[in-house]
Amino acid sequence: MKITEHPVIDTVTKTDRGYRARALCLVDDQPADIVVTIDTARPSRSCYRVDLYDRMQLVWNPVLRADGDDFAPPPASAHNERTLAAYQSLFNRLHDTAEWIVRTARDLGPRW
């Protein structure tokens, strides 16, 4: 997997209950991992997450977690053009939201 400036879907794989898509990209010039897990049987159990890599501690830290109630799941078929476009749109929204979260946290600084 290659880290890109904006999210580019690397893989879409079938899971027991639906599909999982993943992209590595940069959020605020730091490596980020975006993972979308779609539960086609129960869309409300779908999971969306963005983790940011901390180069000082060498760990992935969660920046954004959401579920099926926060974002509508893309169509159920994982490999047609309409579905891939819907995934890409969702990845772009998650990336933009994570950018906003990280920049806002940095600009506000510590609370104490």
PDB file of N, CA and C in Angstrom:
ATOM      1  N   MET A   1       0.840  -1.175   0.000  1.00  0.00           N
ATOM      2  CA  MET A   1       0.000   0.000   0.000  1.00  0.00           C
ATOM      3  C   MET A   1       0.885   1.238   0.000  1.00  0.00           C
ATOM      4  N   LYS A   2       0.468   2.204  -0.773  1.00  0.00           N
ATOM      5  CA  LYS A   2       1.230   3.431  -0.894  1.00  0.00           C
ATOM      6  C   LYS A   2       0.467   4.576  -0.236  1.00  0.00           C
ATOM      7  N   ILE A   3       1.169   5.411   0.505  1.00  0.00           N
ATOM      8  CA  ILE A   3       0.548   6.562   1.140  1.00  0.00           C
ATOM      9  C   ILE A   3       0.463   7.690   0.117  1.00  0.00           C
ATOM     10  N   THR A   4      -0.748   8.210  -0.082  1.00  0.00           N
ATOM     11  CA  THR A   4      -0.981   9.300  -1.016  1.00  0.00           C
ATOM     12  C   THR A   4      -1.476  10.526  -0.259  1.00  0.00           C
ATOM     13  N   GLU A   5      -1.459  11.678  -0.927  1.00  0.00           N
ATOM     14  CA  GLU A   5      -1.901  12.901  -0.255  1.00  0.00           C
ATOM     15  C   GLU A   5      -3.391  12.852   0.070  1.00  0.00           C
ATOM     16  N   HIS A   6      -4.182  12.367  -0.872  1.00  0.00           N
ATOM     17  CA  HIS A   6      -5.618  12.214  -0.675  1.00  0.00           C
ATOM     18  C   HIS A   6      -5.948  10.732  -0.728  1.00  0.00           C
ATOM     19  N   PRO A   7      -7.047  10.326  -0.090  1.00  0.00           N
ATOM     20  CA  PRO A   7      -7.348   8.888  -0.040  1.00  0.00           C
ATOM     21  C   PRO A   7      -7.626   8.292  -1.413  1.00  0.00           C
ATOM     22  N   VAL A   8      -6.936   7.206  -1.689  1.00  0.00           N
ATOM     23  CA  VAL A   8      -7.169   6.407  -2.883  1.00  0.00           C
ATOM     24  C   VAL A   8      -7.430   4.989  -2.386  1.00  0.00           C
ATOM     25  N   ILE A   9      -8.568   4.444  -2.721  1.00  0.00           N
ATOM     26  CA  ILE A   9      -8.948   3.127  -2.218  1.00  0.00           C
ATOM     27  C   ILE A   9      -7.961   2.084  -2.725  1.00  0.00           C
ATOM     28  N   ASP A  10      -7.285   1.425  -1.781  1.00  0.00           N
ATOM     29  CA  ASP A  10      -6.310   0.397  -2.115  1.00  0.00           C
ATOM     30  C   ASP A  10      -6.970  -0.958  -2.318  1.00  0.00           C
ATOM     31  N   THR A  11      -7.880  -1.295  -1.427  1.00  0.00           N
ATOM     32  CA  THR A  11      -8.503  -2.614  -1.492  1.00  0.00           C
ATOM     33  C   THR A  11      -9.975  -2.542  -1.114  1.00  0.00           C
ATOM     34  N   VAL A  12     -10.759  -3.384  -1.724  1.00  0.00           N
ATOM     35  CA  VAL A  12     -12.135  -3.646  -1.305  1.00  0.00           C
ATOM     36  C   VAL A  12     -12.227  -5.155  -1.199  1.00  0.00           C
ATOM     37  N   THR A  13     -12.446  -5.636   0.009  1.00  0.00           N
ATOM     38  CA  THR A  13     -12.505  -7.086   0.227  1.00  0.00           C
ATOM     39  C   THR A  13     -13.850  -7.480   0.816  1.00  0.00           C
ATOM     40  N   LYS A  14     -14.253  -8.679   0.510  1.00  0.00           N
ATOM     41  CA  LYS A  14     -15.496  -9.229   1.047  1.00  0.00           C
ATOM     42  C   LYS A  14     -15.228  -9.746   2.455  1.00  0.00           C
ATOM     43  N   THR A  15     -16.157  -9.466   3.354  1.00  0.00           N
ATOM     44  CA  THR A  15     -16.096 -10.002   4.714  1.00  0.00           C
ATOM     45  C   THR A  15     -17.279 -10.946   4.905  1.00  0.00           C
ATOM     46  N   ASP A  16     -17.399 -11.519   6.093  1.00  0.00           N
ATOM     47  CA  ASP A  16     -18.514 -12.427   6.375  1.00  0.00           C
ATOM     48  C   ASP A  16     -19.870 -11.745   6.231  1.00  0.00           C
ATOM     49  N   ARG A  17     -19.920 -10.455   6.564  1.00  0.00           N
ATOM     50  CA  ARG A  17     -21.201  -9.744   6.591  1.00  0.00           C
ATOM     51  C   ARG A  17     -21.290  -8.582   5.610  1.00  0.00           C
ATOM     52  N   GLY A  18     -20.263  -8.397   4.768  1.00  0.00           N
ATOM     53  CA  GLY A  18     -20.325  -7.274   3.840  1.00  0.00           C
ATOM     54  C   GLY A  18     -18.995  -7.041   3.148  1.00  0.00           C
ATOM     55  N   TYR A  19     -18.494  -5.800   3.250  1.00  0.00           N
ATOM     56  CA  TYR A  19     -17.272  -5.419   2.560  1.00  0.00           C
ATOM     57  C   TYR A  19     -16.422  -4.500   3.423  1.00  0.00           C
ATOM     58  N   ARG A  20     -15.119  -4.506   3.144  1.00  0.00           N
ATOM     59  CA  ARG A  20     -14.186  -3.607   3.825  1.00  0.00           C
ATOM     60  C   ARG A  20     -13.334  -2.931   2.758  1.00  0.00           C
ATOM     61  N   ALA A  21     -13.197  -1.609   2.891  1.00  0.00           N
ATOM     62  CA  ALA A  21     -12.347  -0.836   1.986  1.00  0.00           C
ATOM     63  C   ALA A  21     -11.328  -0.076   2.831  1.00  0.00           C
ATOM     64  N   ARG A  22     -10.149   0.144   2.241  1.00  0.00           N
ATOM     65  CA  ARG A  22      -9.062   0.750   3.019  1.00  0.00           C
ATOM     66  C   ARG A  22      -8.225   1.660   2.133  1.00  0.00           C
ATOM     67  N   ALA A  23      -7.698   2.719   2.741  1.00  0.00           N
ATOM     68  CA  ALA A  23      -6.790   3.632   2.037  1.00  0.00           C
ATOM     69  C   ALA A  23      -5.802   4.218   3.041  1.00  0.00           C
ATOM     70  N   LEU A  24      -4.570   4.364   2.602  1.00  0.00           N
ATOM     71  CA  LEU A  24      -3.555   5.084   3.371  1.00  0.00           C
ATOM     72  C   LEU A  24      -3.366   6.440   2.696  1.00  0.00           C
ATOM     73  N   CYS A  25      -3.331   7.504   3.498  1.00  0.00           N
ATOM     74  CA  CYS A  25      -3.172   8.840   2.938  1.00  0.00           C
ATOM     75  C   CYS A  25      -2.543   9.745   3.994  1.00  0.00           C
ATOM     76  N   LEU A  26      -2.450  11.017   3.684  1.00  0.00           N
ATOM     77  CA  LEU A  26      -1.922  11.989   4.637  1.00  0.00           C
ATOM     78  C   LEU A  26      -3.067  12.825   5.188  1.00  0.00           C
ATOM     79  N   VAL A  27      -3.048  13.013   6.492  1.00  0.00           N
ATOM     80  CA  VAL A  27      -3.962  13.932   7.162  1.00  0.00           C
ATOM     81  C   VAL A  27      -3.083  14.905   7.921  1.00  0.00           C
ATOM     82  N   ASP A  28      -3.145  16.167   7.536  1.00  0.00           N
ATOM     83  CA  ASP A  28      -2.297  17.192   8.144  1.00  0.00           C
ATOM     84  C   ASP A  28      -0.823  16.788   8.058  1.00  0.00           C
ATOM     85  N   ASP A  29      -0.436  16.279   6.906  1.00  0.00           N
ATOM     86  CA  ASP A  29       0.937  15.847   6.608  1.00  0.00           C
ATOM     87  C   ASP A  29       1.431  14.696   7.479  1.00  0.00           C
ATOM     88  N   GLN A  30       0.519  13.926   8.053  1.00  0.00           N
ATOM     89  CA  GLN A  30       0.869  12.754   8.847  1.00  0.00           C
ATOM     90  C   GLN A  30       0.181  11.530   8.238  1.00  0.00           C
ATOM     91  N   PRO A  31       0.818  10.350   8.287  1.00  0.00           N
ATOM     92  CA  PRO A  31       0.194   9.150   7.739  1.00  0.00           C
ATOM     93  C   PRO A  31      -1.124   8.824   8.443  1.00  0.00           C
ATOM     94  N   ALA A  32      -2.130   8.508   7.641  1.00  0.00           N
ATOM     95  CA  ALA A  32      -3.443   8.151   8.172  1.00  0.00           C
ATOM     96  C   ALA A  32      -3.945   6.888   7.487  1.00  0.00           C
ATOM     97  N   ASP A  33      -4.689   6.106   8.230  1.00  0.00           N
ATOM     98  CA  ASP A  33      -5.277   4.859   7.744  1.00  0.00           C
ATOM     99  C   ASP A  33      -6.793   5.017   7.836  1.00  0.00           C
ATOM    100  N   ILE A  34      -7.468   4.972   6.700  1.00  0.00           N
ATOM    101  CA  ILE A  34      -8.925   5.068   6.669  1.00  0.00           C
ATOM    102  C   ILE A  34      -9.476   3.688   6.338  1.00  0.00           C
ATOM    103  N   VAL A  35     -10.360   3.188   7.203  1.00  0.00           N
ATOM    104  CA  VAL A  35     -10.963   1.866   7.008  1.00  0.00           C
ATOM    105  C   VAL A  35     -12.476   2.007   7.108  1.00  0.00           C
ATOM    106  N   VAL A  36     -13.165   1.493   6.099  1.00  0.00           N
ATOM    107  CA  VAL A  36     -14.620   1.505   6.066  1.00  0.00           C
ATOM    108  C   VAL A  36     -15.079   0.052   5.999  1.00  0.00           C
ATOM    109  N   THR A  37     -15.869  -0.356   6.979  1.00  0.00           N
ATOM    110  CA  THR A  37     -16.415  -1.709   7.013  1.00  0.00           C
ATOM    111  C   THR A  37     -17.929  -1.610   6.882  1.00  0.00           C
ATOM    112  N   ILE A  38     -18.457  -2.143   5.790  1.00  0.00           N
ATOM    113  CA  ILE A  38     -19.888  -2.084   5.511  1.00  0.00           C
ATOM    114  C   ILE A  38     -20.514  -3.418   5.860  1.00  0.00           C
ATOM    115  N   ASP A  39     -21.524  -3.379   6.718  1.00  0.00           N
ATOM    116  CA  ASP A  39     -22.296  -4.569   7.077  1.00  0.00           C
ATOM    117  C   ASP A  39     -23.573  -4.534   6.244  1.00  0.00           C
ATOM    118  N   THR A  40     -23.624  -5.368   5.210  1.00  0.00           N
ATOM    119  CA  THR A  40     -24.787  -5.353   4.316  1.00  0.00           C
ATOM    120  C   THR A  40     -26.018  -5.966   4.967  1.00  0.00           C
ATOM    121  N   ALA A  41     -25.838  -6.848   5.941  1.00  0.00           N
ATOM    122  CA  ALA A  41     -26.969  -7.471   6.626  1.00  0.00           C
ATOM    123  C   ALA A  41     -27.636  -6.481   7.580  1.00  0.00           C
ATOM    124  N   ARG A  42     -26.825  -5.722   8.302  1.00  0.00           N
ATOM    125  CA  ARG A  42     -27.332  -4.721   9.246  1.00  0.00           C
ATOM    126  C   ARG A  42     -26.532  -3.433   9.056  1.00  0.00           C
ATOM    127  N   PRO A  43     -26.957  -2.543   8.144  1.00  0.00           N
ATOM    128  CA  PRO A  43     -26.203  -1.333   7.833  1.00  0.00           C
ATOM    129  C   PRO A  43     -25.877  -0.460   9.048  1.00  0.00           C
ATOM    130  N   SER A  44     -26.707  -0.505  10.086  1.00  0.00           N
ATOM    131  CA  SER A  44     -26.423   0.308  11.274  1.00  0.00           C
ATOM    132  C   SER A  44     -25.172  -0.167  12.010  1.00  0.00           C
ATOM    133  N   ARG A  45     -24.708  -1.390  11.720  1.00  0.00           N
ATOM    134  CA  ARG A  45     -23.497  -1.913  12.358  1.00  0.00           C
ATOM    135  C   ARG A  45     -22.239  -1.641  11.537  1.00  0.00           C
ATOM    136  N   SER A  46     -22.379  -0.899  10.442  1.00  0.00           N
ATOM    137  CA  SER A  46     -21.211  -0.519   9.648  1.00  0.00           C
ATOM    138  C   SER A  46     -20.303   0.364  10.489  1.00  0.00           C
ATOM    139  N   CYS A  47     -19.004   0.352  10.166  1.00  0.00           N
ATOM    140  CA  CYS A  47     -18.022   1.065  10.983  1.00  0.00           C
ATOM    141  C   CYS A  47     -17.079   1.855  10.077  1.00  0.00           C
ATOM    142  N   TYR A  48     -16.799   3.094  10.471  1.00  0.00           N
ATOM    143  CA  TYR A  48     -15.911   3.974   9.722  1.00  0.00           C
ATOM    144  C   TYR A  48     -14.855   4.497  10.691  1.00  0.00           C
ATOM    145  N   ARG A  49     -13.593   4.455  10.294  1.00  0.00           N
ATOM    146  CA  ARG A  49     -12.571   4.934  11.218  1.00  0.00           C
ATOM    147  C   ARG A  49     -11.405   5.567  10.467  1.00  0.00           C
ATOM    148  N   VAL A  50     -10.778   6.525  11.137  1.00  0.00           N
ATOM    149  CA  VAL A  50      -9.556   7.153  10.640  1.00  0.00           C
ATOM    150  C   VAL A  50      -8.565   7.133  11.803  1.00  0.00           C
ATOM    151  N   ASP A  51      -7.409   6.517  11.567  1.00  0.00           N
ATOM    152  CA  ASP A  51      -6.339   6.470  12.571  1.00  0.00           C
ATOM    153  C   ASP A  51      -5.145   7.241  12.033  1.00  0.00           C
ATOM    154  N   LEU A  52      -4.481   7.965  12.922  1.00  0.00           N
ATOM    155  CA  LEU A  52      -3.318   8.770  12.559  1.00  0.00           C
ATOM    156  C   LEU A  52      -2.076   8.164  13.198  1.00  0.00           C
ATOM    157  N   TYR A  53      -0.991   8.096  12.437  1.00  0.00           N
ATOM    158  CA  TYR A  53       0.240   7.500  12.944  1.00  0.00           C
ATOM    159  C   TYR A  53       1.050   8.536  13.703  1.00  0.00           C
ATOM    160  N   ASP A  54       1.383   8.228  14.940  1.00  0.00           N
ATOM    161  CA  ASP A  54       2.213   9.098  15.776  1.00  0.00           C
ATOM    162  C   ASP A  54       3.658   8.669  15.598  1.00  0.00           C
ATOM    163  N   ARG A  55       4.439   9.498  14.936  1.00  0.00           N
ATOM    164  CA  ARG A  55       5.830   9.156  14.633  1.00  0.00           C
ATOM    165  C   ARG A  55       6.721   9.174  15.873  1.00  0.00           C
ATOM    166  N   MET A  56       6.317   9.866  16.911  1.00  0.00           N
ATOM    167  CA  MET A  56       7.114   9.907  18.138  1.00  0.00           C
ATOM    168  C   MET A  56       6.923   8.633  18.965  1.00  0.00           C
ATOM    169  N   GLN A  57       5.687   8.174  19.085  1.00  0.00           N
ATOM    170  CA  GLN A  57       5.403   6.999  19.900  1.00  0.00           C
ATOM    171  C   GLN A  57       5.316   5.718  19.072  1.00  0.00           C
ATOM    172  N   LEU A  58       5.332   5.854  17.739  1.00  0.00           N
ATOM    173  CA  LEU A  58       5.255   4.723  16.815  1.00  0.00           C
ATOM    174  C   LEU A  58       3.996   3.878  17.021  1.00  0.00           C
ATOM    175  N   VAL A  59       2.854   4.568  17.157  1.00  0.00           N
ATOM    176  CA  VAL A  59       1.561   3.898  17.321  1.00  0.00           C
ATOM    177  C   VAL A  59       0.513   4.617  16.469  1.00  0.00           C
ATOM    178  N   TRP A  60      -0.556   3.874  16.151  1.00  0.00           N
ATOM    179  CA  TRP A  60      -1.698   4.464  15.471  1.00  0.00           C
ATOM    180  C   TRP A  60      -2.696   4.944  16.514  1.00  0.00           C
ATOM    181  N   ASN A  61      -3.138   6.198  16.404  1.00  0.00           N
ATOM    182  CA  ASN A  61      -4.111   6.777  17.333  1.00  0.00           C
ATOM    183  C   ASN A  61      -5.410   7.081  16.598  1.00  0.00           C
ATOM    184  N   PRO A  62      -6.550   6.778  17.212  1.00  0.00           N
ATOM    185  CA  PRO A  62      -7.828   7.074  16.557  1.00  0.00           C
ATOM    186  C   PRO A  62      -8.080   8.582  16.498  1.00  0.00           C
ATOM    187  N   VAL A  63      -8.543   9.040  15.353  1.00  0.00           N
ATOM    188  CA  VAL A  63      -8.910  10.437  15.171  1.00  0.00           C
ATOM    189  C   VAL A  63     -10.418  10.551  14.995  1.00  0.00           C
ATOM    190  N   LEU A  64     -10.997   9.578  14.307  1.00  0.00           N
ATOM    191  CA  LEU A  64     -12.419   9.617  13.996  1.00  0.00           C
ATOM    192  C   LEU A  64     -12.973   8.206  14.002  1.00  0.00           C
ATOM    193  N   ARG A  65     -14.079   8.033  14.695  1.00  0.00           N
ATOM    194  CA  ARG A  65     -14.816   6.775  14.696  1.00  0.00           C
ATOM    195  C   ARG A  65     -16.284   7.117  14.446  1.00  0.00           C
ATOM    196  N   ALA A  66     -16.916   6.382  13.555  1.00  0.00           N
ATOM    197  CA  ALA A  66     -18.331   6.601  13.255  1.00  0.00           C
ATOM    198  C   ALA A  66     -18.973   5.258  12.961  1.00  0.00           C
ATOM    199  N   ASP A  67     -20.303   5.238  12.982  1.00  0.00           N
ATOM    200  CA  ASP A  67     -21.003   3.994  12.677  1.00  0.00           C
ATOM    201  C   ASP A  67     -22.034   4.225  11.579  1.00  0.00           C
ATOM    202  N   GLY A  68     -22.823   3.217  11.315  1.00  0.00           N
ATOM    203  CA  GLY A  68     -23.793   3.269  10.229  1.00  0.00           C
ATOM    204  C   GLY A  68     -24.846   4.344  10.378  1.00  0.00           C
ATOM    205  N   ASP A  69     -25.073   4.826  11.587  1.00  0.00           N
ATOM    206  CA  ASP A  69     -26.037   5.901  11.787  1.00  0.00           C
ATOM    207  C   ASP A  69     -25.463   7.261  11.382  1.00  0.00           C
ATOM    208  N   ASP A  70     -24.132   7.369  11.332  1.00  0.00           N
ATOM    209  CA  ASP A  70     -23.480   8.634  11.000  1.00  0.00           C
ATOM    210  C   ASP A  70     -23.315   8.838   9.495  1.00  0.00           C
ATOM    211  N   PHE A  71     -23.091   7.769   8.764  1.00  0.00           N
ATOM    212  CA  PHE A  71     -22.906   7.825   7.319  1.00  0.00           C
ATOM    213  C   PHE A  71     -23.742   6.731   6.675  1.00  0.00           C
ATOM    214  N   ALA A  72     -24.426   7.081   5.614  1.00  0.00           N
ATOM    215  CA  ALA A  72     -25.201   6.063   4.896  1.00  0.00           C
ATOM    216  C   ALA A  72     -24.239   5.124   4.174  1.00  0.00           C
ATOM    217  N   PRO A  73     -24.466   3.822   4.250  1.00  0.00           N
ATOM    218  CA  PRO A  73     -23.564   2.885   3.576  1.00  0.00           C
ATOM    219  C   PRO A  73     -23.693   2.976   2.057  1.00  0.00           C
ATOM    220  N   PRO A  74     -22.585   2.751   1.355  1.00  0.00           N
ATOM    221  CA  PRO A  74     -22.665   2.705  -0.103  1.00  0.00           C
ATOM    222  C   PRO A  74     -23.444   1.473  -0.564  1.00  0.00           C
ATOM    223  N   PRO A  75     -23.749   1.375  -1.852  1.00  0.00           N
ATOM    224  CA  PRO A  75     -24.476   0.198  -2.352  1.00  0.00           C
ATOM    225  C   PRO A  75     -23.786  -1.111  -1.977  1.00  0.00           C
ATOM    226  N   ALA A  76     -24.550  -2.184  -1.939  1.00  0.00           N
ATOM    227  CA  ALA A  76     -24.053  -3.464  -1.432  1.00  0.00           C
ATOM    228  C   ALA A  76     -23.063  -4.170  -2.351  1.00  0.00           C
ATOM    229  N   SER A  77     -23.134  -3.948  -3.633  1.00  0.00           N
ATOM    230  CA  SER A  77     -22.217  -4.625  -4.552  1.00  0.00           C
ATOM    231  C   SER A  77     -20.874  -3.910  -4.538  1.00  0.00           C
ATOM    232  N   ALA A  78     -19.813  -4.610  -4.190  1.00  0.00           N
ATOM    233  CA  ALA A  78     -18.532  -3.954  -3.920  1.00  0.00           C
ATOM    234  C   ALA A  78     -17.704  -3.632  -5.151  1.00  0.00           C
ATOM    235  N   HIS A  79     -18.003  -4.198  -6.288  1.00  0.00           N
ATOM    236  CA  HIS A  79     -17.063  -4.060  -7.396  1.00  0.00           C
ATOM    237  C   HIS A  79     -17.631  -3.401  -8.647  1.00  0.00           C
ATOM    238  N   ASN A  80     -18.743  -2.676  -8.542  1.00  0.00           N
ATOM    239  CA  ASN A  80     -19.193  -1.953  -9.722  1.00  0.00           C
ATOM    240  C   ASN A  80     -18.799  -0.483  -9.599  1.00  0.00           C
ATOM    241  N   GLU A  81     -18.865   0.252 -10.701  1.00  0.00           N
ATOM    242  CA  GLU A  81     -18.371   1.629 -10.725  1.00  0.00           C
ATOM    243  C   GLU A  81     -19.147   2.542  -9.790  1.00  0.00           C
ATOM    244  N   ARG A  82     -20.456   2.355  -9.698  1.00  0.00           N
ATOM    245  CA  ARG A  82     -21.279   3.193  -8.820  1.00  0.00           C
ATOM    246  C   ARG A  82     -20.871   3.022  -7.356  1.00  0.00           C
ATOM    247  N   THR A  83     -20.595   1.791  -6.971  1.00  0.00           N
ATOM    248  CA  THR A  83     -20.185   1.519  -5.594  1.00  0.00           C
ATOM    249  C   THR A  83     -18.812   2.105  -5.308  1.00  0.00           C
ATOM    250  N   LEU A  84     -17.876   1.926  -6.225  1.00  0.00           N
ATOM    251  CA  LEU A  84     -16.532   2.483  -6.011  1.00  0.00           C
ATOM    252  C   LEU A  84     -16.569   4.005  -5.932  1.00  0.00           C
ATOM    253  N   ALA A  85     -17.420   4.643  -6.723  1.00  0.00           N
ATOM    254  CA  ALA A  85     -17.572   6.103  -6.650  1.00  0.00           C
ATOM    255  C   ALA A  85     -18.162   6.508  -5.299  1.00  0.00           C
ATOM    256  N   ALA A  86     -19.126   5.730  -4.795  1.00  0.00           N
ATOM    257  CA  ALA A  86     -19.715   6.018  -3.490  1.00  0.00           C
ATOM    258  C   ALA A  86     -18.681   5.837  -2.383  1.00  0.00           C
ATOM    259  N   TYR A  87     -17.861   4.768  -2.468  1.00  0.00           N
ATOM    260  CA  TYR A  87     -16.778   4.570  -1.499  1.00  0.00           C
ATOM    261  C   TYR A  87     -15.810   5.741  -1.541  1.00  0.00           C
ATOM    262  N   GLN A  88     -15.411   6.166  -2.738  1.00  0.00           N
ATOM    263  CA  GLN A  88     -14.451   7.266  -2.851  1.00  0.00           C
ATOM    264  C   GLN A  88     -15.015   8.548  -2.252  1.00  0.00           C
ATOM    265  N   SER A  89     -16.286   8.817  -2.486  1.00  0.00           N
ATOM    266  CA  SER A  89     -16.929   9.990  -1.900  1.00  0.00           C
ATOM    267  C   SER A  89     -16.925   9.914  -0.374  1.00  0.00           C
ATOM    268  N   LEU A  90     -17.234   8.737   0.152  1.00  0.00           N
ATOM    269  CA  LEU A  90     -17.215   8.533   1.597  1.00  0.00           C
ATOM    270  C   LEU A  90     -15.803   8.715   2.158  1.00  0.00           C
ATOM    271  N   PHE A  91     -14.804   8.170   1.485  1.00  0.00           N
ATOM    272  CA  PHE A  91     -13.416   8.320   1.926  1.00  0.00           C
ATOM    273  C   PHE A  91     -13.006   9.788   1.925  1.00  0.00           C
ATOM    274  N   ASN A  92     -13.431  10.536   0.911  1.00  0.00           N
ATOM    275  CA  ASN A  92     -13.103  11.963   0.858  1.00  0.00           C
ATOM    276  C   ASN A  92     -13.740  12.720   2.025  1.00  0.00           C
ATOM    277  N   ARG A  93     -14.991  12.387   2.365  1.00  0.00           N
ATOM    278  CA  ARG A  93     -15.655  13.028   3.516  1.00  0.00           C
ATOM    279  C   ARG A  93     -14.941  12.688   4.821  1.00  0.00           C
ATOM    280  N   LEU A  94     -14.563  11.420   4.993  1.00  0.00           N
ATOM    281  CA  LEU A  94     -13.843  11.023   6.207  1.00  0.00           C
ATOM    282  C   LEU A  94     -12.489  11.724   6.283  1.00  0.00           C
ATOM    283  N   HIS A  95     -11.779  11.821   5.166  1.00  0.00           N
ATOM    284  CA  HIS A  95     -10.485  12.502   5.120  1.00  0.00           C
ATOM    285  C   HIS A  95     -10.643  13.976   5.483  1.00  0.00           C
ATOM    286  N   ASP A  96     -11.614  14.656   4.882  1.00  0.00           N
ATOM    287  CA  ASP A  96     -11.832  16.074   5.155  1.00  0.00           C
ATOM    288  C   ASP A  96     -12.205  16.308   6.622  1.00  0.00           C
ATOM    289  N   THR A  97     -13.030  15.432   7.168  1.00  0.00           N
ATOM    290  CA  THR A  97     -13.419  15.549   8.573  1.00  0.00           C
ATOM    291  C   THR A  97     -12.217  15.344   9.493  1.00  0.00           C
ATOM    292  N   ALA A  98     -11.394  14.346   9.200  1.00  0.00           N
ATOM    293  CA  ALA A  98     -10.191  14.092  10.005  1.00  0.00           C
ATOM    294  C   ALA A  98      -9.225  15.276   9.910  1.00  0.00           C
ATOM    295  N   GLU A  99      -9.060  15.857   8.712  1.00  0.00           N
ATOM    296  CA  GLU A  99      -8.217  17.047   8.543  1.00  0.00           C
ATOM    297  C   GLU A  99      -8.704  18.162   9.461  1.00  0.00           C
ATOM    298  N   TRP A 100     -10.012  18.387   9.454  1.00  0.00           N
ATOM    299  CA  TRP A 100     -10.589  19.447  10.268  1.00  0.00           C
ATOM    300  C   TRP A 100     -10.350  19.182  11.761  1.00  0.00           C
ATOM    301  N   ILE A 101     -10.556  17.950  12.187  1.00  0.00           N
ATOM    302  CA  ILE A 101     -10.363  17.590  13.592  1.00  0.00           C
ATOM    303  C   ILE A 101      -8.916  17.838  14.020  1.00  0.00           C
ATOM    304  N   VAL A 102      -7.961  17.351  13.236  1.00  0.00           N
ATOM    305  CA  VAL A 102      -6.544  17.467  13.599  1.00  0.00           C
ATOM    306  C   VAL A 102      -6.089  18.920  13.593  1.00  0.00           C
ATOM    307  N   ARG A 103      -6.474  19.679  12.581  1.00  0.00           N
ATOM    308  CA  ARG A 103      -6.054  21.087  12.512  1.00  0.00           C
ATOM    309  C   ARG A 103      -6.699  21.920  13.616  1.00  0.00           C
ATOM    310  N   THR A 104      -7.951  21.642  13.910  1.00  0.00           N
ATOM    311  CA  THR A 104      -8.621  22.367  14.989  1.00  0.00           C
ATOM    312  C   THR A 104      -7.959  22.062  16.323  1.00  0.00           C
ATOM    313  N   ALA A 105      -7.651  20.792  16.572  1.00  0.00           N
ATOM    314  CA  ALA A 105      -6.998  20.419  17.829  1.00  0.00           C
ATOM    315  C   ALA A 105      -5.630  21.085  17.946  1.00  0.00           C
ATOM    316  N   ARG A 106      -4.883  21.104  16.868  1.00  0.00           N
ATOM    317  CA  ARG A 106      -3.564  21.738  16.889  1.00  0.00           C
ATOM    318  C   ARG A 106      -3.673  23.240  17.102  1.00  0.00           C
ATOM    319  N   ASP A 107      -4.606  23.895  16.409  1.00  0.00           N
ATOM    320  CA  ASP A 107      -4.756  25.343  16.520  1.00  0.00           C
ATOM    321  C   ASP A 107      -5.255  25.772  17.896  1.00  0.00           C
ATOM    322  N   LEU A 108      -6.090  24.954  18.517  1.00  0.00           N
ATOM    323  CA  LEU A 108      -6.579  25.282  19.854  1.00  0.00           C
ATOM    324  C   LEU A 108      -5.532  25.066  20.926  1.00  0.00           C
ATOM    325  N   GLY A 109      -4.641  24.125  20.697  1.00  0.00           N
ATOM    326  CA  GLY A 109      -3.586  23.838  21.659  1.00  0.00           C
ATOM    327  C   GLY A 109      -4.117  23.134  22.887  1.00  0.00           C
ATOM    328  N   PRO A 110      -3.245  22.949  23.875  1.00  0.00           N
ATOM    329  CA  PRO A 110      -3.673  22.260  25.102  1.00  0.00           C
ATOM    330  C   PRO A 110      -4.706  23.080  25.860  1.00  0.00           C
ATOM    331  N   ARG A 111      -5.573  22.392  26.557  1.00  0.00           N
ATOM    332  CA  ARG A 111      -6.635  23.054  27.301  1.00  0.00           C
ATOM    333  C   ARG A 111      -6.135  23.671  28.598  1.00  0.00           C
ATOM    334  N   TRP A 112      -5.019  23.236  29.120  1.00  0.00           N
ATOM    335  CA  TRP A 112      -4.555  23.721  30.426  1.00  0.00           C
ATOM    336  C   TRP A 112      -3.373  24.611  30.295  1.00  0.00           C
TER     337      TRP A 112
END
